[in-house]
C-alpha atoms as a PDB file:
ATOM      1  CA  MET A   1      -4.720  13.168  -3.112  1.00  0.00           C
ATOM      2  CA  ILE A   2      -6.621  12.493   0.094  1.00  0.00           C
ATOM      3  CA  ASP A   3      -9.642  11.316  -1.873  1.00  0.00           C
ATOM      4  CA  ALA A   4      -7.417   9.031  -3.954  1.00  0.00           C
ATOM      5  CA  LEU A   5      -5.922   7.548  -0.788  1.00  0.00           C
ATOM      6  CA  HIS A   6      -9.376   6.871   0.655  1.00  0.00           C
ATOM      7  CA  VAL A   7     -10.402   5.173  -2.600  1.00  0.00           C
ATOM      8  CA  GLU A   8      -7.132   3.219  -2.656  1.00  0.00           C
ATOM      9  CA  ILE A   9      -7.679   1.886   0.877  1.00  0.00           C
ATOM     10  CA  ALA A  10     -11.309   1.004   0.110  1.00  0.00           C
ATOM     11  CA  ALA A  11     -10.218  -0.829  -3.049  1.00  0.00           C
ATOM     12  CA  MET A  12      -7.696  -2.883  -1.077  1.00  0.00           C
ATOM     13  CA  LYS A  13     -10.338  -3.757   1.517  1.00  0.00           C
ATOM     14  CA  ALA A  14     -12.680  -4.868  -1.273  1.00  0.00           C
ATOM     15  CA  ASN A  15      -9.955  -6.649  -3.282  1.00  0.00           C
ATOM     16  CA  ASP A  16     -10.944  -4.505  -6.284  1.00  0.00           C
ATOM     17  CA  VAL A  17      -7.847  -4.473  -8.472  1.00  0.00           C
ATOM     18  CA  ALA A  18      -9.282  -2.148 -11.145  1.00  0.00           C
ATOM     19  CA  ALA A  19     -10.336   0.447  -8.557  1.00  0.00           C
ATOM     20  CA  LEU A  20      -6.954   0.114  -6.833  1.00  0.00           C
ATOM     21  CA  ASP A  21      -5.160   0.780 -10.121  1.00  0.00           C
ATOM     22  CA  ARG A  22      -7.301   3.856 -10.846  1.00  0.00           C
ATOM     23  CA  ALA A  23      -6.822   5.231  -7.331  1.00  0.00           C
ATOM     24  CA  THR A  24      -3.077   4.651  -7.439  1.00  0.00           C
ATOM     25  CA  GLN A  25      -2.832   6.470 -10.787  1.00  0.00           C
ATOM     26  CA  ALA A  26      -4.843   9.391  -9.357  1.00  0.00           C
ATOM     27  CA  LYS A  27      -2.539   9.467  -6.322  1.00  0.00           C
ATOM     28  CA  LEU A  28       0.578   9.538  -8.527  1.00  0.00           C
ATOM     29  CA  ILE A  29      -0.867  12.397 -10.589  1.00  0.00           C
ATOM     30  CA  ALA A  30      -1.573  14.341  -7.381  1.00  0.00           C
ATOM     31  CA  ILE A  31       1.976  13.697  -6.158  1.00  0.00           C
ATOM     32  CA  ASP A  32       3.382  15.038  -9.430  1.00  0.00           C
ATOM     33  CA  ALA A  33       1.192  18.136  -9.110  1.00  0.00           C
ATOM     34  CA  LEU A  34       2.365  18.731  -5.550  1.00  0.00           C
ATOM     35  CA  ALA A  35       5.981  18.307  -6.591  1.00  0.00           C
ATOM     36  CA  THR A  36       5.691  21.455  -8.705  1.00  0.00           C
ATOM     37  CA  ILE A  37       5.259  23.668  -5.612  1.00  0.00           C
ATOM     38  CA  GLU A  38       8.134  26.132  -5.649  1.00  0.00           C
ATOM     39  CA  GLY A  39      10.515  26.229  -2.715  1.00  0.00           C
ATOM     40  CA  GLY A  40       8.843  23.360  -0.871  1.00  0.00           C
ATOM     41  CA  ALA A  41       7.292  25.738   1.672  1.00  0.00           C
ATOM     42  CA  LEU A  42       3.682  24.888   2.443  1.00  0.00           C
ATOM     43  CA  GLU A  43       1.087  27.114   4.011  1.00  0.00           C
ATOM     44  CA  PRO A  44      -0.216  25.804   7.359  1.00  0.00           C
ATOM     45  CA  ASP A  45      -3.519  24.510   5.962  1.00  0.00           C
ATOM     46  CA  VAL A  46      -1.749  22.808   3.049  1.00  0.00           C
ATOM     47  CA  ARG A  47       0.801  21.302   5.443  1.00  0.00           C
ATOM     48  CA  GLU A  48      -2.068  19.922   7.537  1.00  0.00           C
ATOM     49  CA  LEU A  49      -3.550  18.256   4.459  1.00  0.00           C
ATOM     50  CA  ALA A  50      -0.118  16.856   3.544  1.00  0.00           C
ATOM     51  CA  GLU A  51       0.191  15.366   7.030  1.00  0.00           C
ATOM     52  CA  GLU A  52      -3.251  13.765   6.692  1.00  0.00           C
ATOM     53  CA  ALA A  53      -2.218  12.347   3.316  1.00  0.00           C
ATOM     54  CA  GLN A  54       0.925  10.927   4.916  1.00  0.00           C
ATOM     55  CA  ARG A  55      -1.138   9.212   7.630  1.00  0.00           C
ATOM     56  CA  LEU A  56      -3.484   7.759   5.019  1.00  0.00           C
ATOM     57  CA  ASN A  57      -0.532   6.585   2.950  1.00  0.00           C
ATOM     58  CA  ASP A  58       0.875   4.851   6.054  1.00  0.00           C
ATOM     59  CA  THR A  59      -2.498   3.128   6.490  1.00  0.00           C
ATOM     60  CA  ALA A  60      -2.423   2.033   2.850  1.00  0.00           C
ATOM     61  CA  ARG A  61       1.105   0.664   3.378  1.00  0.00           C
ATOM     62  CA  ILE A  62      -0.126  -1.398   6.323  1.00  0.00           C
ATOM     63  CA  TYR A  63      -2.903  -2.878   4.161  1.00  0.00           C
ATOM     64  CA  VAL A  64      -0.374  -3.717   1.439  1.00  0.00           C
ATOM     65  CA  ASN A  65       1.834  -5.485   3.988  1.00  0.00           C
ATOM     66  CA  LEU A  66      -1.145  -7.437   5.361  1.00  0.00           C
ATOM     67  CA  LEU A  67      -2.253  -8.466   1.882  1.00  0.00           C
ATOM     68  CA  ALA A  68       1.290  -9.567   1.001  1.00  0.00           C
ATOM     69  CA  ALA A  69       1.531 -11.603   4.218  1.00  0.00           C
ATOM     70  CA  ASN A  70      -1.790 -13.313   3.443  1.00  0.00           C
ATOM     71  CA  VAL A  71      -0.656 -14.164  -0.082  1.00  0.00           C
ATOM     72  CA  ARG A  72       2.657 -15.524   1.236  1.00  0.00           C
ATOM     73  CA  ARG A  73       0.830 -17.658   3.807  1.00  0.00           C
ATOM     74  CA  ARG A  74      -1.574 -19.044   1.213  1.00  0.00           C
ATOM     75  CA  LEU A  75       1.259 -19.859  -1.178  1.00  0.00           C
ATOM     76  CA  GLN A  76       3.132 -21.613   1.613  1.00  0.00           C
ATOM     77  CA  MET A  77       0.047 -23.675   2.403  1.00  0.00           C
ATOM     78  CA  LEU A  78      -0.444 -24.584  -1.264  1.00  0.00           C
ATOM     79  CA  ALA A  79       3.201 -25.594  -1.531  1.00  0.00           C
ATOM     80  CA  GLY A  80       2.968 -27.682   1.643  1.00  0.00           C
ATOM     81  CA  ASP A  81       5.412 -25.309   3.266  1.00  0.00           C
ATOM     82  CA  ALA A  82       3.458 -24.031   6.277  1.00  0.00           C
ATOM     83  CA  GLY A  83       5.573 -22.062   8.705  1.00  0.00           C
ATOM     84  CA  GLY A  84       8.446 -21.703   6.265  1.00  0.00           C
ATOM     85  CA  TYR A  85       9.777 -25.190   6.983  1.00  0.00           C
ATOM     86  CA  ARG A  86       9.939 -28.002   4.490  1.00  0.00           C
ATOM     87  CA  SER A  87       9.284 -31.652   5.171  1.00  0.00           C
ATOM     88  CA  ASN A  88      13.038 -32.295   4.997  1.00  0.00           C
ATOM     89  CA  GLY A  89      13.507 -30.101   8.077  1.00  0.00           C
ATOM     90  CA  ARG A  90      15.265 -27.263   6.239  1.00  0.00           C
ATOM     91  CA  VAL A  91      14.118 -23.689   6.304  1.00  0.00           C
ATOM     92  CA  ALA A  92      12.701 -22.489   3.005  1.00  0.00           C
ATOM     93  CA  ALA A  93      14.502 -19.580   1.319  1.00  0.00           C
ATOM     94  CA  TYR A  94      12.470 -16.537   0.258  1.00  0.00           C
ATOM     95  CA  ALA A  95      13.400 -13.702  -2.042  1.00  0.00           C
END
């Protein structure tokens, strides 16, 4: 899973959609495999790896949020809606 997270982050940095899709699928497969652990108790070394995976997943989440903010900003600029305000002075509504 850790390798998949590293690949996922690298794919986001490179804007490589195909690599991002492959890495995300690998991550989901690893999550399913980990979900089969009986009793949920992890050995210390496995717990350490799980904590590293959680940190990497948090990093990936930050990249996703940054990418989404950039897309939103670009769309606003294309729509002539910079700053979320329209030329009529009203605030634009977002879903």
